[in-house]
Amino acid sequence: MARFGWHSGKVLATSYEFAKNTSSKYGLDLSNLTPSNADVKLTNDVCILTGAGTPTDDNTGNDVAGPGSLYVDVTNSNHYINAGTKASTVWKLVTRAA
């Protein structure tokens, strides 16, 4: 059975419990939680982070966001990918068509 949990390893709920106990219209709504490091952490240290403004290289997500992690700038509607390492992030703007 699939599980949902935080980076600390504490399991919040099994997928069955989550589906049964939520009234959210979203598959997985994390908006009421306050993450300490990243909004979502996947395998291989890939994370999804959000923030207001451009991420700072060698600061934003250091020791949390591995290569390939995504940062969403909610102020300017931009996305960035970590092209550096988990220890030293290097954020590259994802370009888009006009």
Protein backbone atom coordinates (compact mmCIF):
# COMPACT_ATOMS: atom_id res chain seq x y z
CA MET A 1 0.00 0.00 0.00
CA ALA A 2 1.34 3.45 -0.91
CA ARG A 3 2.08 5.88 1.89
CA PHE A 4 2.33 9.63 2.21
CA GLY A 5 4.92 11.11 4.57
CA TRP A 6 7.32 13.89 5.41
CA HIS A 7 11.06 13.99 4.88
CA SER A 8 11.50 12.98 8.53
CA GLY A 9 10.00 9.61 7.68
CA LYS A 10 6.86 10.10 9.76
CA VAL A 11 3.95 8.59 7.87
CA LEU A 12 0.93 10.88 7.72
CA ALA A 13 -1.54 8.38 6.30
CA THR A 14 -1.82 5.38 4.05
CA SER A 15 -3.33 6.08 0.64
CA TYR A 16 -6.57 4.40 1.75
CA GLU A 17 -6.82 6.54 4.89
CA PHE A 18 -6.02 9.68 2.91
CA ALA A 19 -8.68 8.99 0.28
CA LYS A 20 -11.27 8.10 2.92
CA ASN A 21 -10.64 11.05 5.27
CA THR A 22 -10.20 13.95 2.87
CA SER A 23 -12.87 16.18 1.46
CA SER A 24 -10.40 17.94 -0.83
CA LYS A 25 -11.17 18.17 -4.52
CA TYR A 26 -7.44 17.60 -5.17
CA GLY A 27 -5.66 14.26 -5.21
CA LEU A 28 -3.11 15.43 -2.63
CA ASP A 29 -3.60 18.83 -1.02
CA LEU A 30 -0.57 20.00 0.99
CA SER A 31 -1.68 23.62 1.34
CA ASN A 32 -2.56 23.30 5.03
CA LEU A 33 0.84 21.86 5.99
CA THR A 34 3.95 23.88 6.85
CA PRO A 35 7.01 22.10 5.44
CA SER A 36 10.37 22.88 6.99
CA ASN A 37 12.59 22.19 3.96
CA ALA A 38 10.63 21.47 0.78
CA ASP A 39 7.00 21.32 -0.27
CA VAL A 40 7.45 17.84 -1.77
CA LYS A 41 10.37 15.41 -1.54
CA LEU A 42 10.62 12.55 -4.02
CA THR A 43 13.14 9.73 -4.35
CA ASN A 44 16.80 10.50 -5.13
CA ASP A 45 16.60 13.81 -3.21
CA VAL A 46 14.49 15.44 -5.92
CA CYS A 47 12.30 18.13 -4.36
CA ILE A 48 9.67 20.65 -5.35
CA LEU A 49 10.11 23.96 -3.55
CA THR A 50 8.10 27.17 -3.77
CA GLY A 51 8.95 30.71 -2.81
CA ALA A 52 8.53 34.38 -3.57
CA GLY A 53 11.24 35.55 -5.94
CA THR A 54 14.29 34.10 -7.65
CA PRO A 55 16.09 31.29 -5.77
CA THR A 56 19.64 32.02 -4.62
CA ASP A 57 22.45 29.76 -5.84
CA ASP A 58 24.36 27.95 -3.09
CA ASN A 59 21.65 28.89 -0.60
CA THR A 60 18.05 28.06 -1.56
CA GLY A 61 17.54 24.34 -1.03
CA ASN A 62 21.12 23.58 0.01
CA ASP A 63 21.45 20.15 1.67
CA VAL A 64 17.82 19.43 0.68
CA ALA A 65 17.25 19.76 -3.07
CA GLY A 66 19.22 17.32 -5.20
CA PRO A 67 20.00 17.70 -8.90
CA GLY A 68 16.85 18.03 -11.00
CA SER A 69 14.80 19.57 -8.20
CA LEU A 70 12.20 22.18 -9.15
CA TYR A 71 11.74 25.63 -7.62
CA VAL A 72 8.55 27.58 -8.40
CA ASP A 73 8.75 31.36 -8.03
CA VAL A 74 5.14 32.23 -7.21
CA THR A 75 5.75 35.99 -7.50
CA ASN A 76 7.05 36.05 -11.08
CA SER A 77 5.56 32.75 -12.35
CA ASN A 78 8.97 31.27 -13.18
CA HIS A 79 10.31 27.74 -12.75
CA TYR A 80 13.92 26.83 -11.97
CA ILE A 81 15.78 23.51 -12.07
CA ASN A 82 18.72 22.70 -9.79
CA ALA A 83 21.66 22.01 -12.10
CA GLY A 84 24.07 21.87 -9.18
CA THR A 85 24.35 19.39 -6.36
CA LYS A 86 22.43 18.80 -3.16
CA ALA A 87 25.26 20.46 -1.22
CA SER A 88 25.60 23.44 -3.57
CA THR A 89 22.51 24.36 -5.58
CA VAL A 90 22.72 26.15 -8.94
CA TRP A 91 19.28 27.27 -10.13
CA LYS A 92 18.68 27.56 -13.89
CA LEU A 93 15.62 29.34 -15.25
CA VAL A 94 13.38 27.13 -17.36
CA THR A 95 12.62 29.15 -20.48
CA ARG A 96 9.28 29.09 -22.23
CA ALA A 97 7.80 30.26 -25.48
CA ALA A 98 6.31 33.74 -25.50
